[in-house]
PDB file of N, CA and C in Angstrom:
ATOM      1  N   UNK A   1       1.208  -0.829   0.390  1.00  0.00           N
ATOM      2  CA  UNK A   1      -0.367  -0.009   0.115  1.00  0.00           C
ATOM      3  C   UNK A   1       1.007   0.919   0.258  1.00  0.00           C
ATOM      4  N   UNK A   2       0.071   2.774  -0.437  1.00  0.00           N
ATOM      5  CA  UNK A   2       1.094   3.290  -0.714  1.00  0.00           C
ATOM      6  C   UNK A   2       0.810   3.976   0.322  1.00  0.00           C
ATOM      7  N   UNK A   3       2.602   5.094   0.790  1.00  0.00           N
ATOM      8  CA  UNK A   3       2.235   5.886   2.319  1.00  0.00           C
ATOM      9  C   UNK A   3       0.903   6.655   2.084  1.00  0.00           C
ATOM     10  N   UNK A   4       0.659   7.450   3.066  1.00  0.00           N
ATOM     11  CA  UNK A   4      -0.715   8.626   2.922  1.00  0.00           C
ATOM     12  C   UNK A   4      -0.096   9.764   2.941  1.00  0.00           C
ATOM     13  N   UNK A   5      -0.351  10.861   1.568  1.00  0.00           N
ATOM     14  CA  UNK A   5      -0.411  11.868   1.025  1.00  0.00           C
ATOM     15  C   UNK A   5      -1.203  13.228   2.312  1.00  0.00           C
ATOM     16  N   UNK A   6      -2.129  12.627   2.849  1.00  0.00           N
ATOM     17  CA  UNK A   6      -2.184  13.444   3.946  1.00  0.00           C
ATOM     18  C   UNK A   6      -2.610  12.492   4.807  1.00  0.00           C
ATOM     19  N   UNK A   7      -2.768  14.018   6.436  1.00  0.00           N
ATOM     20  CA  UNK A   7      -3.746  13.255   7.468  1.00  0.00           C
ATOM     21  C   UNK A   7      -4.253  14.191   7.931  1.00  0.00           C
ATOM     22  N   UNK A   8      -5.506  13.999   9.358  1.00  0.00           N
ATOM     23  CA  UNK A   8      -5.897  13.907   9.835  1.00  0.00           C
ATOM     24  C   UNK A   8      -5.223  15.413  10.812  1.00  0.00           C
ATOM     25  N   UNK A   9      -6.019  16.600  11.122  1.00  0.00           N
ATOM     26  CA  UNK A   9      -5.415  17.699  11.616  1.00  0.00           C
ATOM     27  C   UNK A   9      -4.926  16.782  13.321  1.00  0.00           C
ATOM     28  N   UNK A  10      -6.200  15.945  14.385  1.00  0.00           N
ATOM     29  CA  UNK A  10      -5.641  15.090  15.162  1.00  0.00           C
ATOM     30  C   UNK A  10      -4.170  13.940  15.224  1.00  0.00           C
ATOM     31  N   UNK A  11      -3.899  13.878  13.714  1.00  0.00           N
ATOM     32  CA  UNK A  11      -2.567  13.097  13.777  1.00  0.00           C
ATOM     33  C   UNK A  11      -1.385  13.953  13.582  1.00  0.00           C
ATOM     34  N   UNK A  12      -1.589  14.188  12.772  1.00  0.00           N
ATOM     35  CA  UNK A  12      -0.993  15.607  12.925  1.00  0.00           C
ATOM     36  C   UNK A  12      -0.432  16.472  14.399  1.00  0.00           C
ATOM     37  N   UNK A  13      -1.729  16.610  15.037  1.00  0.00           N
ATOM     38  CA  UNK A  13      -1.095  17.599  16.094  1.00  0.00           C
ATOM     39  C   UNK A  13      -0.160  15.685  16.865  1.00  0.00           C
ATOM     40  N   UNK A  14      -0.840  14.622  17.280  1.00  0.00           N
ATOM     41  CA  UNK A  14       0.171  13.893  17.898  1.00  0.00           C
ATOM     42  C   UNK A  14       1.063  13.737  16.830  1.00  0.00           C
ATOM     43  N   UNK A  15       1.653  13.721  15.782  1.00  0.00           N
ATOM     44  CA  UNK A  15       3.236  13.904  15.771  1.00  0.00           C
ATOM     45  C   UNK A  15       3.611  14.508  15.700  1.00  0.00           C
ATOM     46  N   UNK A  16       3.358  16.447  15.679  1.00  0.00           N
ATOM     47  CA  UNK A  16       4.241  17.232  16.706  1.00  0.00           C
ATOM     48  C   UNK A  16       3.939  17.495  17.709  1.00  0.00           C
ATOM     49  N   UNK A  17       3.542  17.090  18.763  1.00  0.00           N
ATOM     50  CA  UNK A  17       3.495  16.830  20.044  1.00  0.00           C
ATOM     51  C   UNK A  17       3.298  17.676  21.152  1.00  0.00           C
ATOM     52  N   UNK A  18       1.439  18.826  20.087  1.00  0.00           N
ATOM     53  CA  UNK A  18       1.015  19.156  20.925  1.00  0.00           C
ATOM     54  C   UNK A  18      -0.962  18.623  20.679  1.00  0.00           C
ATOM     55  N   UNK A  19      -1.408  19.370  21.451  1.00  0.00           N
ATOM     56  CA  UNK A  19      -2.909  19.595  21.567  1.00  0.00           C
ATOM     57  C   UNK A  19      -3.371  19.718  20.154  1.00  0.00           C
ATOM     58  N   UNK A  20      -4.350  18.119  20.305  1.00  0.00           N
ATOM     59  CA  UNK A  20      -5.627  19.232  18.669  1.00  0.00           C
ATOM     60  C   UNK A  20      -6.058  20.403  18.881  1.00  0.00           C
ATOM     61  N   UNK A  21      -6.707  20.557  20.242  1.00  0.00           N
ATOM     62  CA  UNK A  21      -7.383  22.279  19.984  1.00  0.00           C
ATOM     63  C   UNK A  21      -6.158  22.965  19.656  1.00  0.00           C
ATOM     64  N   UNK A  22      -4.789  23.370  19.854  1.00  0.00           N
ATOM     65  CA  UNK A  22      -3.752  23.964  19.314  1.00  0.00           C
ATOM     66  C   UNK A  22      -3.774  23.267  17.998  1.00  0.00           C
ATOM     67  N   UNK A  23      -4.032  22.028  17.673  1.00  0.00           N
ATOM     68  CA  UNK A  23      -3.929  21.984  16.357  1.00  0.00           C
ATOM     69  C   UNK A  23      -4.527  23.160  15.849  1.00  0.00           C
ATOM     70  N   UNK A  24      -5.836  22.392  16.102  1.00  0.00           N
ATOM     71  CA  UNK A  24      -6.838  23.666  15.339  1.00  0.00           C
ATOM     72  C   UNK A  24      -6.628  24.798  14.790  1.00  0.00           C
ATOM     73  N   UNK A  25      -6.152  25.227  17.058  1.00  0.00           N
ATOM     74  CA  UNK A  25      -6.091  26.796  17.310  1.00  0.00           C
ATOM     75  C   UNK A  25      -5.580  26.939  15.199  1.00  0.00           C
ATOM     76  N   UNK A  26      -4.240  26.454  14.978  1.00  0.00           N
ATOM     77  CA  UNK A  26      -2.749  26.342  14.072  1.00  0.00           C
ATOM     78  C   UNK A  26      -3.951  26.967  13.007  1.00  0.00           C
ATOM     79  N   UNK A  27      -4.930  25.975  12.379  1.00  0.00           N
ATOM     80  CA  UNK A  27      -5.476  25.537  11.720  1.00  0.00           C
ATOM     81  C   UNK A  27      -6.108  27.382  11.171  1.00  0.00           C
ATOM     82  N   UNK A  28      -7.064  27.245  12.181  1.00  0.00           N
ATOM     83  CA  UNK A  28      -7.803  28.493  11.737  1.00  0.00           C
ATOM     84  C   UNK A  28      -6.808  29.755  11.439  1.00  0.00           C
ATOM     85  N   UNK A  29      -6.015  29.957  12.792  1.00  0.00           N
ATOM     86  CA  UNK A  29      -4.597  30.866  12.584  1.00  0.00           C
ATOM     87  C   UNK A  29      -3.924  30.954  10.894  1.00  0.00           C
ATOM     88  N   UNK A  30      -3.738  29.891  10.382  1.00  0.00           N
ATOM     89  CA  UNK A  30      -3.420  29.990   8.794  1.00  0.00           C
ATOM     90  C   UNK A  30      -1.689  28.963   9.279  1.00  0.00           C
ATOM     91  N   UNK A  31      -1.554  29.000  10.442  1.00  0.00           N
ATOM     92  CA  UNK A  31      -0.291  29.106  11.119  1.00  0.00           C
ATOM     93  C   UNK A  31       0.462  26.934  10.832  1.00  0.00           C
ATOM     94  N   UNK A  32      -0.356  26.402  10.604  1.00  0.00           N
ATOM     95  CA  UNK A  32      -0.161  24.840  10.045  1.00  0.00           C
ATOM     96  C   UNK A  32      -1.126  24.816   8.202  1.00  0.00           C
ATOM     97  N   UNK A  33      -0.382  24.248   7.447  1.00  0.00           N
ATOM     98  CA  UNK A  33      -1.398  24.107   6.561  1.00  0.00           C
ATOM     99  C   UNK A  33      -1.858  23.572   6.579  1.00  0.00           C
ATOM    100  N   UNK A  34      -2.917  23.292   5.208  1.00  0.00           N
ATOM    101  CA  UNK A  34      -4.082  22.662   5.401  1.00  0.00           C
ATOM    102  C   UNK A  34      -4.945  22.640   4.139  1.00  0.00           C
ATOM    103  N   UNK A  35      -5.848  21.291   3.949  1.00  0.00           N
ATOM    104  CA  UNK A  35      -7.210  21.916   3.002  1.00  0.00           C
ATOM    105  C   UNK A  35      -8.015  21.100   3.362  1.00  0.00           C
ATOM    106  N   UNK A  36      -8.950  21.646   2.563  1.00  0.00           N
ATOM    107  CA  UNK A  36     -10.201  21.280   2.920  1.00  0.00           C
ATOM    108  C   UNK A  36     -10.666  20.209   2.057  1.00  0.00           C
ATOM    109  N   UNK A  37     -11.017  19.131   2.605  1.00  0.00           N
ATOM    110  CA  UNK A  37     -12.019  18.204   1.660  1.00  0.00           C
ATOM    111  C   UNK A  37     -13.665  18.034   1.557  1.00  0.00           C
ATOM    112  N   UNK A  38     -14.885  19.176   1.205  1.00  0.00           N
ATOM    113  CA  UNK A  38     -16.667  18.435   2.211  1.00  0.00           C
ATOM    114  C   UNK A  38     -15.710  19.314   3.562  1.00  0.00           C
ATOM    115  N   UNK A  39     -16.417  19.096   3.877  1.00  0.00           N
ATOM    116  CA  UNK A  39     -16.280  19.147   6.110  1.00  0.00           C
ATOM    117  C   UNK A  39     -14.385  18.822   6.015  1.00  0.00           C
ATOM    118  N   UNK A  40     -13.914  18.107   5.803  1.00  0.00           N
ATOM    119  CA  UNK A  40     -12.928  17.348   6.367  1.00  0.00           C
ATOM    120  C   UNK A  40     -11.502  18.434   5.886  1.00  0.00           C
ATOM    121  N   UNK A  41     -10.955  18.598   7.106  1.00  0.00           N
ATOM    122  CA  UNK A  41      -9.748  19.474   7.208  1.00  0.00           C
ATOM    123  C   UNK A  41      -8.271  18.228   7.380  1.00  0.00           C
ATOM    124  N   UNK A  42      -7.504  18.124   6.260  1.00  0.00           N
ATOM    125  CA  UNK A  42      -6.467  17.541   6.124  1.00  0.00           C
ATOM    126  C   UNK A  42      -5.154  18.309   5.954  1.00  0.00           C
ATOM    127  N   UNK A  43      -4.124  17.158   6.708  1.00  0.00           N
ATOM    128  CA  UNK A  43      -2.848  18.854   6.465  1.00  0.00           C
ATOM    129  C   UNK A  43      -1.592  17.094   6.128  1.00  0.00           C
ATOM    130  N   UNK A  44      -1.418  17.637   4.587  1.00  0.00           N
ATOM    131  CA  UNK A  44      -0.591  17.141   3.483  1.00  0.00           C
ATOM    132  C   UNK A  44       0.855  16.873   4.483  1.00  0.00           C
ATOM    133  N   UNK A  45       1.545  15.812   4.077  1.00  0.00           N
ATOM    134  CA  UNK A  45       2.697  15.343   5.268  1.00  0.00           C
ATOM    135  C   UNK A  45       3.503  16.352   4.361  1.00  0.00           C
ATOM    136  N   UNK A  46       4.183  16.271   3.088  1.00  0.00           N
ATOM    137  CA  UNK A  46       4.988  16.547   2.833  1.00  0.00           C
ATOM    138  C   UNK A  46       4.895  18.409   3.576  1.00  0.00           C
ATOM    139  N   UNK A  47       3.521  19.197   2.850  1.00  0.00           N
ATOM    140  CA  UNK A  47       4.056  20.685   4.228  1.00  0.00           C
ATOM    141  C   UNK A  47       4.159  20.833   5.287  1.00  0.00           C
ATOM    142  N   UNK A  48       4.039  19.609   6.021  1.00  0.00           N
ATOM    143  CA  UNK A  48       3.334  19.457   7.740  1.00  0.00           C
ATOM    144  C   UNK A  48       5.430  18.724   7.293  1.00  0.00           C
ATOM    145  N   UNK A  49       5.820  18.022   6.665  1.00  0.00           N
ATOM    146  CA  UNK A  49       7.495  17.938   6.721  1.00  0.00           C
ATOM    147  C   UNK A  49       7.882  19.261   6.278  1.00  0.00           C
ATOM    148  N   UNK A  50       7.512  19.951   6.164  1.00  0.00           N
ATOM    149  CA  UNK A  50       8.215  21.979   4.916  1.00  0.00           C
ATOM    150  C   UNK A  50       8.479  22.195   6.853  1.00  0.00           C
ATOM    151  N   UNK A  51       7.215  22.186   6.717  1.00  0.00           N
ATOM    152  CA  UNK A  51       7.423  23.253   8.310  1.00  0.00           C
ATOM    153  C   UNK A  51       7.609  22.718   9.285  1.00  0.00           C
ATOM    154  N   UNK A  52       8.413  21.682   9.746  1.00  0.00           N
ATOM    155  CA  UNK A  52       9.608  21.510  10.210  1.00  0.00           C
ATOM    156  C   UNK A  52      10.248  21.368  10.246  1.00  0.00           C
ATOM    157  N   UNK A  53      10.943  21.400   8.906  1.00  0.00           N
ATOM    158  CA  UNK A  53      12.424  21.860   8.907  1.00  0.00           C
ATOM    159  C   UNK A  53      12.082  23.378   8.688  1.00  0.00           C
ATOM    160  N   UNK A  54      11.409  24.062   8.375  1.00  0.00           N
ATOM    161  CA  UNK A  54      10.825  25.908   8.680  1.00  0.00           C
ATOM    162  C   UNK A  54      11.804  25.551  10.162  1.00  0.00           C
ATOM    163  N   UNK A  55      10.948  24.908  11.064  1.00  0.00           N
ATOM    164  CA  UNK A  55      11.034  26.034  12.432  1.00  0.00           C
ATOM    165  C   UNK A  55      12.018  25.591  12.700  1.00  0.00           C
ATOM    166  N   UNK A  56      12.991  24.572  11.966  1.00  0.00           N
ATOM    167  CA  UNK A  56      14.232  24.506  12.574  1.00  0.00           C
ATOM    168  C   UNK A  56      15.401  25.196  12.095  1.00  0.00           C
ATOM    169  N   UNK A  57      14.815  26.651  11.423  1.00  0.00           N
ATOM    170  CA  UNK A  57      15.874  26.760  10.883  1.00  0.00           C
ATOM    171  C   UNK A  57      15.464  28.781  10.564  1.00  0.00           C
ATOM    172  N   UNK A  58      14.488  28.760  11.071  1.00  0.00           N
ATOM    173  CA  UNK A  58      13.282  30.462  11.057  1.00  0.00           C
ATOM    174  C   UNK A  58      12.640  30.252  12.098  1.00  0.00           C
ATOM    175  N   UNK A  59      12.542  31.435  12.646  1.00  0.00           N
ATOM    176  CA  UNK A  59      11.296  31.731  13.710  1.00  0.00           C
ATOM    177  C   UNK A  59      10.198  32.404  13.419  1.00  0.00           C
ATOM    178  N   UNK A  60       9.479  30.238  13.313  1.00  0.00           N
ATOM    179  CA  UNK A  60       8.043  30.272  12.529  1.00  0.00           C
ATOM    180  C   UNK A  60       7.361  29.285  14.258  1.00  0.00           C
ATOM    181  N   UNK A  61       6.350  29.762  14.496  1.00  0.00           N
ATOM    182  CA  UNK A  61       5.666  30.052  15.266  1.00  0.00           C
ATOM    183  C   UNK A  61       4.351  29.089  15.259  1.00  0.00           C
ATOM    184  N   UNK A  62       4.135  27.735  15.984  1.00  0.00           N
ATOM    185  CA  UNK A  62       2.810  27.777  15.941  1.00  0.00           C
ATOM    186  C   UNK A  62       1.673  27.999  17.379  1.00  0.00           C
ATOM    187  N   UNK A  63       2.544  27.966  17.997  1.00  0.00           N
ATOM    188  CA  UNK A  63       2.244  28.745  19.360  1.00  0.00           C
ATOM    189  C   UNK A  63       1.810  30.037  19.090  1.00  0.00           C
ATOM    190  N   UNK A  64       1.128  30.173  20.145  1.00  0.00           N
ATOM    191  CA  UNK A  64       0.322  32.145  19.858  1.00  0.00           C
ATOM    192  C   UNK A  64       1.595  32.870  20.979  1.00  0.00           C
ATOM    193  N   UNK A  65       2.236  33.831  20.572  1.00  0.00           N
ATOM    194  CA  UNK A  65       3.085  34.249  21.348  1.00  0.00           C
ATOM    195  C   UNK A  65       2.201  34.898  23.062  1.00  0.00           C
ATOM    196  N   UNK A  66       2.733  34.915  24.090  1.00  0.00           N
ATOM    197  CA  UNK A  66       2.290  34.666  25.233  1.00  0.00           C
ATOM    198  C   UNK A  66       2.185  36.424  25.189  1.00  0.00           C
ATOM    199  N   UNK A  67       1.502  36.931  26.118  1.00  0.00           N
ATOM    200  CA  UNK A  67       1.044  38.275  25.673  1.00  0.00           C
ATOM    201  C   UNK A  67       1.334  38.717  27.529  1.00  0.00           C
ATOM    202  N   UNK A  68       1.920  39.551  27.391  1.00  0.00           N
ATOM    203  CA  UNK A  68       2.850  40.304  28.258  1.00  0.00           C
ATOM    204  C   UNK A  68       1.022  40.715  29.251  1.00  0.00           C
ATOM    205  N   UNK A  69       1.287  40.843  30.054  1.00  0.00           N
ATOM    206  CA  UNK A  69       0.597  41.245  31.897  1.00  0.00           C
ATOM    207  C   UNK A  69       1.126  42.745  32.150  1.00  0.00           C
ATOM    208  N   UNK A  70       0.570  43.978  31.957  1.00  0.00           N
ATOM    209  CA  UNK A  70       0.789  44.814  32.862  1.00  0.00           C
ATOM    210  C   UNK A  70       1.728  45.735  31.656  1.00  0.00           C
ATOM    211  N   UNK A  71       2.420  45.237  30.201  1.00  0.00           N
ATOM    212  CA  UNK A  71       3.085  46.130  29.664  1.00  0.00           C
ATOM    213  C   UNK A  71       1.962  47.343  28.722  1.00  0.00           C
TER     214      UNK A  71
END
């Protein structure tokens, strides 16, 4: 059987070691590359691999920046 080209947001979250909620927030904000097919939201395996590569070379964030209290 051929390798999968896409995965669910839950699968991507698991691979990245982040929560399901954070993964869906990253999809909503455009920080996690995705495609929609009907109601399904899918993450390209190749796009996820590129994202992980970029994180090692640049300031790419999946987590929202911390809010400064009293600043």
